[in-house]
Amino acid sequence: MKTRILFTLTALILFVTELAIAQPGLPGAPNQAPIDGGLGLLAAAGGAYAIKKLRDKRKADEESEL
């Protein structure tokens, strides 16, 4: 009986120290800002403005070549 108690306590101590030394788990996912509403409209307006500027520049280059 003494041997069984000693074996159980030894095993328990070994397992508890293994858990105490273990590394913590991975952190959760960070909070991310949604892209909707105003930010999406702002990105679309910026893209449309860039396309307009490129077309105007091409048109000006074609006119200067003639």
PDB file of N, CA and C in Angstrom:
ATOM      1  N   MET A   1       0.815  -1.187   0.000  1.00  0.00           N
ATOM      2  CA  MET A   1       0.000   0.000   0.000  1.00  0.00           C
ATOM      3  C   MET A   1       0.865   1.260   0.000  1.00  0.00           C
ATOM      4  N   LYS A   2       1.955   1.220   0.804  1.00  0.00           N
ATOM      5  CA  LYS A   2       2.850   2.358   0.854  1.00  0.00           C
ATOM      6  C   LYS A   2       3.509   2.589  -0.501  1.00  0.00           C
ATOM      7  N   THR A   3       3.823   1.528  -1.173  1.00  0.00           N
ATOM      8  CA  THR A   3       4.468   1.635  -2.482  1.00  0.00           C
ATOM      9  C   THR A   3       3.515   2.283  -3.486  1.00  0.00           C
ATOM     10  N   ARG A   4       2.274   1.901  -3.431  1.00  0.00           N
ATOM     11  CA  ARG A   4       1.281   2.468  -4.362  1.00  0.00           C
ATOM     12  C   ARG A   4       1.097   3.971  -4.108  1.00  0.00           C
ATOM     13  N   ILE A   5       1.031   4.390  -2.852  1.00  0.00           N
ATOM     14  CA  ILE A   5       0.888   5.810  -2.520  1.00  0.00           C
ATOM     15  C   ILE A   5       2.131   6.574  -2.959  1.00  0.00           C
ATOM     16  N   LEU A   6       3.304   6.022  -2.704  1.00  0.00           N
ATOM     17  CA  LEU A   6       4.552   6.664  -3.103  1.00  0.00           C
ATOM     18  C   LEU A   6       4.628   6.782  -4.623  1.00  0.00           C
ATOM     19  N   PHE A   7       4.245   5.733  -5.332  1.00  0.00           N
ATOM     20  CA  PHE A   7       4.247   5.773  -6.803  1.00  0.00           C
ATOM     21  C   PHE A   7       3.258   6.818  -7.322  1.00  0.00           C
ATOM     22  N   THR A   8       2.072   6.878  -6.727  1.00  0.00           N
ATOM     23  CA  THR A   8       1.055   7.842  -7.153  1.00  0.00           C
ATOM     24  C   THR A   8       1.520   9.275  -6.902  1.00  0.00           C
ATOM     25  N   LEU A   9       2.085   9.538  -5.749  1.00  0.00           N
ATOM     26  CA  LEU A   9       2.578  10.879  -5.446  1.00  0.00           C
ATOM     27  C   LEU A   9       3.730  11.277  -6.365  1.00  0.00           C
ATOM     28  N   THR A  10       4.634  10.354  -6.639  1.00  0.00           N
ATOM     29  CA  THR A  10       5.747  10.639  -7.544  1.00  0.00           C
ATOM     30  C   THR A  10       5.237  10.946  -8.946  1.00  0.00           C
ATOM     31  N   ALA A  11       4.307  10.151  -9.441  1.00  0.00           N
ATOM     32  CA  ALA A  11       3.744  10.392 -10.770  1.00  0.00           C
ATOM     33  C   ALA A  11       3.006  11.725 -10.800  1.00  0.00           C
ATOM     34  N   LEU A  12       2.271  12.037  -9.758  1.00  0.00           N
ATOM     35  CA  LEU A  12       1.533  13.295  -9.687  1.00  0.00           C
ATOM     36  C   LEU A  12       2.483  14.487  -9.694  1.00  0.00           C
ATOM     37  N   ILE A  13       3.546  14.413  -8.943  1.00  0.00           N
ATOM     38  CA  ILE A  13       4.526  15.503  -8.901  1.00  0.00           C
ATOM     39  C   ILE A  13       5.190  15.675 -10.262  1.00  0.00           C
ATOM     40  N   LEU A  14       5.519  14.579 -10.918  1.00  0.00           N
ATOM     41  CA  LEU A  14       6.146  14.678 -12.238  1.00  0.00           C
ATOM     42  C   LEU A  14       5.201  15.309 -13.260  1.00  0.00           C
ATOM     43  N   PHE A  15       3.944  14.927 -13.249  1.00  0.00           N
ATOM     44  CA  PHE A  15       2.987  15.478 -14.212  1.00  0.00           C
ATOM     45  C   PHE A  15       2.676  16.949 -13.925  1.00  0.00           C
ATOM     46  N   VAL A  16       2.600  17.312 -12.648  1.00  0.00           N
ATOM     47  CA  VAL A  16       2.306  18.702 -12.293  1.00  0.00           C
ATOM     48  C   VAL A  16       3.466  19.603 -12.699  1.00  0.00           C
ATOM     49  N   THR A  17       4.691  19.170 -12.499  1.00  0.00           N
ATOM     50  CA  THR A  17       5.833  19.999 -12.904  1.00  0.00           C
ATOM     51  C   THR A  17       5.891  20.124 -14.421  1.00  0.00           C
ATOM     52  N   GLU A  18       5.502  19.099 -15.130  1.00  0.00           N
ATOM     53  CA  GLU A  18       5.465  19.166 -16.599  1.00  0.00           C
ATOM     54  C   GLU A  18       4.448  20.206 -17.058  1.00  0.00           C
ATOM     55  N   LEU A  19       3.299  20.267 -16.399  1.00  0.00           N
ATOM     56  CA  LEU A  19       2.291  21.271 -16.742  1.00  0.00           C
ATOM     57  C   LEU A  19       2.746  22.676 -16.360  1.00  0.00           C
ATOM     58  N   ALA A  20       3.476  22.796 -15.266  1.00  0.00           N
ATOM     59  CA  ALA A  20       3.932  24.110 -14.820  1.00  0.00           C
ATOM     60  C   ALA A  20       4.994  24.675 -15.755  1.00  0.00           C
ATOM     61  N   ILE A  21       5.779  23.830 -16.387  1.00  0.00           N
ATOM     62  CA  ILE A  21       6.847  24.271 -17.284  1.00  0.00           C
ATOM     63  C   ILE A  21       6.318  24.526 -18.693  1.00  0.00           C
ATOM     64  N   ALA A  22       5.176  24.005 -19.021  1.00  0.00           N
ATOM     65  CA  ALA A  22       4.635  24.109 -20.381  1.00  0.00           C
ATOM     66  C   ALA A  22       4.440  25.565 -20.793  1.00  0.00           C
ATOM     67  N   GLN A  23       4.587  25.819 -22.080  1.00  0.00           N
ATOM     68  CA  GLN A  23       4.416  27.168 -22.623  1.00  0.00           C
ATOM     69  C   GLN A  23       2.931  27.506 -22.703  1.00  0.00           C
ATOM     70  N   PRO A  24       2.614  28.794 -22.622  1.00  0.00           N
ATOM     71  CA  PRO A  24       1.200  29.179 -22.732  1.00  0.00           C
ATOM     72  C   PRO A  24       0.697  28.977 -24.154  1.00  0.00           C
ATOM     73  N   GLY A  25      -0.604  28.935 -24.312  1.00  0.00           N
ATOM     74  CA  GLY A  25      -1.203  28.737 -25.629  1.00  0.00           C
ATOM     75  C   GLY A  25      -1.032  29.964 -26.519  1.00  0.00           C
ATOM     76  N   LEU A  26      -1.438  29.824 -27.768  1.00  0.00           N
ATOM     77  CA  LEU A  26      -1.338  30.921 -28.720  1.00  0.00           C
ATOM     78  C   LEU A  26      -2.354  32.010 -28.379  1.00  0.00           C
ATOM     79  N   PRO A  27      -1.999  33.272 -28.654  1.00  0.00           N
ATOM     80  CA  PRO A  27      -2.958  34.342 -28.373  1.00  0.00           C
ATOM     81  C   PRO A  27      -4.124  34.301 -29.352  1.00  0.00           C
ATOM     82  N   GLY A  28      -5.205  34.913 -28.979  1.00  0.00           N
ATOM     83  CA  GLY A  28      -6.388  34.953 -29.840  1.00  0.00           C
ATOM     84  C   GLY A  28      -6.158  35.859 -31.038  1.00  0.00           C
ATOM     85  N   ALA A  29      -7.084  35.835 -31.959  1.00  0.00           N
ATOM     86  CA  ALA A  29      -6.987  36.673 -33.152  1.00  0.00           C
ATOM     87  C   ALA A  29      -7.141  38.143 -32.756  1.00  0.00           C
ATOM     88  N   PRO A  30      -6.363  39.026 -33.383  1.00  0.00           N
ATOM     89  CA  PRO A  30      -6.485  40.445 -33.042  1.00  0.00           C
ATOM     90  C   PRO A  30      -7.803  41.028 -33.546  1.00  0.00           C
ATOM     91  N   ASN A  31      -8.229  42.079 -32.913  1.00  0.00           N
ATOM     92  CA  ASN A  31      -9.445  42.761 -33.358  1.00  0.00           C
ATOM     93  C   ASN A  31      -9.144  43.487 -34.658  1.00  0.00           C
ATOM     94  N   GLN A  32      -9.928  43.233 -35.668  1.00  0.00           N
ATOM     95  CA  GLN A  32      -9.697  43.846 -36.963  1.00  0.00           C
ATOM     96  C   GLN A  32     -10.848  44.776 -37.293  1.00  0.00           C
ATOM     97  N   ALA A  33     -10.498  45.906 -37.904  1.00  0.00           N
ATOM     98  CA  ALA A  33     -11.520  46.880 -38.276  1.00  0.00           C
ATOM     99  C   ALA A  33     -12.189  46.442 -39.571  1.00  0.00           C
ATOM    100  N   PRO A  34     -13.501  46.481 -39.629  1.00  0.00           N
ATOM    101  CA  PRO A  34     -14.194  46.110 -40.863  1.00  0.00           C
ATOM    102  C   PRO A  34     -14.072  47.211 -41.910  1.00  0.00           C
ATOM    103  N   ILE A  35     -13.986  46.808 -43.165  1.00  0.00           N
ATOM    104  CA  ILE A  35     -13.961  47.771 -44.267  1.00  0.00           C
ATOM    105  C   ILE A  35     -15.367  47.793 -44.841  1.00  0.00           C
ATOM    106  N   ASP A  36     -16.126  48.753 -44.422  1.00  0.00           N
ATOM    107  CA  ASP A  36     -17.487  48.894 -44.928  1.00  0.00           C
ATOM    108  C   ASP A  36     -17.898  50.351 -44.810  1.00  0.00           C
ATOM    109  N   GLY A  37     -19.008  50.668 -45.391  1.00  0.00           N
ATOM    110  CA  GLY A  37     -19.536  52.022 -45.275  1.00  0.00           C
ATOM    111  C   GLY A  37     -18.624  53.056 -45.906  1.00  0.00           C
ATOM    112  N   GLY A  38     -18.231  54.031 -45.118  1.00  0.00           N
ATOM    113  CA  GLY A  38     -17.461  55.166 -45.607  1.00  0.00           C
ATOM    114  C   GLY A  38     -16.094  54.799 -46.147  1.00  0.00           C
ATOM    115  N   LEU A  39     -15.422  53.862 -45.515  1.00  0.00           N
ATOM    116  CA  LEU A  39     -14.084  53.500 -45.969  1.00  0.00           C
ATOM    117  C   LEU A  39     -14.120  52.825 -47.328  1.00  0.00           C
ATOM    118  N   GLY A  40     -15.113  51.993 -47.572  1.00  0.00           N
ATOM    119  CA  GLY A  40     -15.261  51.358 -48.886  1.00  0.00           C
ATOM    120  C   GLY A  40     -15.567  52.379 -49.965  1.00  0.00           C
ATOM    121  N   LEU A  41     -16.440  53.334 -49.653  1.00  0.00           N
ATOM    122  CA  LEU A  41     -16.757  54.394 -50.617  1.00  0.00           C
ATOM    123  C   LEU A  41     -15.540  55.263 -50.892  1.00  0.00           C
ATOM    124  N   LEU A  42     -14.760  55.542 -49.874  1.00  0.00           N
ATOM    125  CA  LEU A  42     -13.559  56.346 -50.043  1.00  0.00           C
ATOM    126  C   LEU A  42     -12.548  55.632 -50.935  1.00  0.00           C
ATOM    127  N   ALA A  43     -12.380  54.335 -50.767  1.00  0.00           N
ATOM    128  CA  ALA A  43     -11.468  53.563 -51.613  1.00  0.00           C
ATOM    129  C   ALA A  43     -11.961  53.537 -53.055  1.00  0.00           C
ATOM    130  N   ALA A  44     -13.259  53.377 -53.262  1.00  0.00           N
ATOM    131  CA  ALA A  44     -13.815  53.372 -54.619  1.00  0.00           C
ATOM    132  C   ALA A  44     -13.651  54.739 -55.274  1.00  0.00           C
ATOM    133  N   ALA A  45     -13.869  55.807 -54.526  1.00  0.00           N
ATOM    134  CA  ALA A  45     -13.704  57.156 -55.074  1.00  0.00           C
ATOM    135  C   ALA A  45     -12.244  57.414 -55.430  1.00  0.00           C
ATOM    136  N   GLY A  46     -11.329  56.939 -54.619  1.00  0.00           N
ATOM    137  CA  GLY A  46      -9.904  57.097 -54.917  1.00  0.00           C
ATOM    138  C   GLY A  46      -9.510  56.350 -56.175  1.00  0.00           C
ATOM    139  N   GLY A  47     -10.032  55.151 -56.355  1.00  0.00           N
ATOM    140  CA  GLY A  47      -9.756  54.381 -57.571  1.00  0.00           C
ATOM    141  C   GLY A  47     -10.319  55.055 -58.804  1.00  0.00           C
ATOM    142  N   ALA A  48     -11.533  55.580 -58.700  1.00  0.00           N
ATOM    143  CA  ALA A  48     -12.147  56.279 -59.834  1.00  0.00           C
ATOM    144  C   ALA A  48     -11.364  57.540 -60.176  1.00  0.00           C
ATOM    145  N   TYR A  49     -10.892  58.253 -59.187  1.00  0.00           N
ATOM    146  CA  TYR A  49     -10.101  59.463 -59.420  1.00  0.00           C
ATOM    147  C   TYR A  49      -8.777  59.117 -60.105  1.00  0.00           C
ATOM    148  N   ALA A  50      -8.142  58.027 -59.682  1.00  0.00           N
ATOM    149  CA  ALA A  50      -6.882  57.607 -60.305  1.00  0.00           C
ATOM    150  C   ALA A  50      -7.098  57.229 -61.766  1.00  0.00           C
ATOM    151  N   ILE A  51      -8.176  56.520 -62.069  1.00  0.00           N
ATOM    152  CA  ILE A  51      -8.480  56.141 -63.458  1.00  0.00           C
ATOM    153  C   ILE A  51      -8.732  57.390 -64.297  1.00  0.00           C
ATOM    154  N   LYS A  52      -9.463  58.363 -63.750  1.00  0.00           N
ATOM    155  CA  LYS A  52      -9.734  59.610 -64.478  1.00  0.00           C
ATOM    156  C   LYS A  52      -8.432  60.343 -64.777  1.00  0.00           C
ATOM    157  N   LYS A  53      -7.541  60.421 -63.808  1.00  0.00           N
ATOM    158  CA  LYS A  53      -6.264  61.103 -64.010  1.00  0.00           C
ATOM    159  C   LYS A  53      -5.434  60.399 -65.081  1.00  0.00           C
ATOM    160  N   LEU A  54      -5.417  59.065 -65.073  1.00  0.00           N
ATOM    161  CA  LEU A  54      -4.659  58.323 -66.087  1.00  0.00           C
ATOM    162  C   LEU A  54      -5.230  58.559 -67.480  1.00  0.00           C
ATOM    163  N   ARG A  55      -6.548  58.564 -67.608  1.00  0.00           N
ATOM    164  CA  ARG A  55      -7.176  58.812 -68.918  1.00  0.00           C
ATOM    165  C   ARG A  55      -6.883  60.228 -69.404  1.00  0.00           C
ATOM    166  N   ASP A  56      -6.967  61.197 -68.497  1.00  0.00           N
ATOM    167  CA  ASP A  56      -6.669  62.581 -68.876  1.00  0.00           C
ATOM    168  C   ASP A  56      -5.216  62.726 -69.324  1.00  0.00           C
ATOM    169  N   LYS A  57      -4.312  62.038 -68.646  1.00  0.00           N
ATOM    170  CA  LYS A  57      -2.898  62.118 -69.007  1.00  0.00           C
ATOM    171  C   LYS A  57      -2.667  61.491 -70.375  1.00  0.00           C
ATOM    172  N   ARG A  58      -3.276  60.336 -70.644  1.00  0.00           N
ATOM    173  CA  ARG A  58      -3.134  59.694 -71.963  1.00  0.00           C
ATOM    174  C   ARG A  58      -3.682  60.591 -73.065  1.00  0.00           C
ATOM    175  N   LYS A  59      -4.831  61.198 -72.810  1.00  0.00           N
ATOM    176  CA  LYS A  59      -5.447  62.076 -73.803  1.00  0.00           C
ATOM    177  C   LYS A  59      -4.537  63.279 -74.074  1.00  0.00           C
ATOM    178  N   ALA A  60      -3.935  63.838 -73.033  1.00  0.00           N
ATOM    179  CA  ALA A  60      -3.033  64.980 -73.197  1.00  0.00           C
ATOM    180  C   ALA A  60      -1.778  64.560 -73.956  1.00  0.00           C
ATOM    181  N   ASP A  61      -1.259  63.361 -73.697  1.00  0.00           N
ATOM    182  CA  ASP A  61      -0.076  62.868 -74.407  1.00  0.00           C
ATOM    183  C   ASP A  61      -0.382  62.646 -75.884  1.00  0.00           C
ATOM    184  N   GLU A  62      -1.559  62.114 -76.194  1.00  0.00           N
ATOM    185  CA  GLU A  62      -1.940  61.880 -77.591  1.00  0.00           C
ATOM    186  C   GLU A  62      -2.100  63.203 -78.338  1.00  0.00           C
ATOM    187  N   GLU A  63      -2.663  64.214 -77.692  1.00  0.00           N
ATOM    188  CA  GLU A  63      -2.851  65.512 -78.329  1.00  0.00           C
ATOM    189  C   GLU A  63      -1.521  66.220 -78.553  1.00  0.00           C
ATOM    190  N   SER A  64      -0.562  66.024 -77.636  1.00  0.00           N
ATOM    191  CA  SER A  64       0.733  66.687 -77.794  1.00  0.00           C
ATOM    192  C   SER A  64       1.571  66.032 -78.890  1.00  0.00           C
ATOM    193  N   GLU A  65       1.333  64.755 -79.186  1.00  0.00           N
ATOM    194  CA  GLU A  65       2.058  64.065 -80.254  1.00  0.00           C
ATOM    195  C   GLU A  65       1.590  64.526 -81.627  1.00  0.00           C
ATOM    196  N   LEU A  66       0.352  64.931 -81.762  1.00  0.00           N
ATOM    197  CA  LEU A  66      -0.197  65.355 -83.050  1.00  0.00           C
ATOM    198  C   LEU A  66       0.244  66.717 -83.333  1.00  0.00           C
TER     199      LEU A  66
END
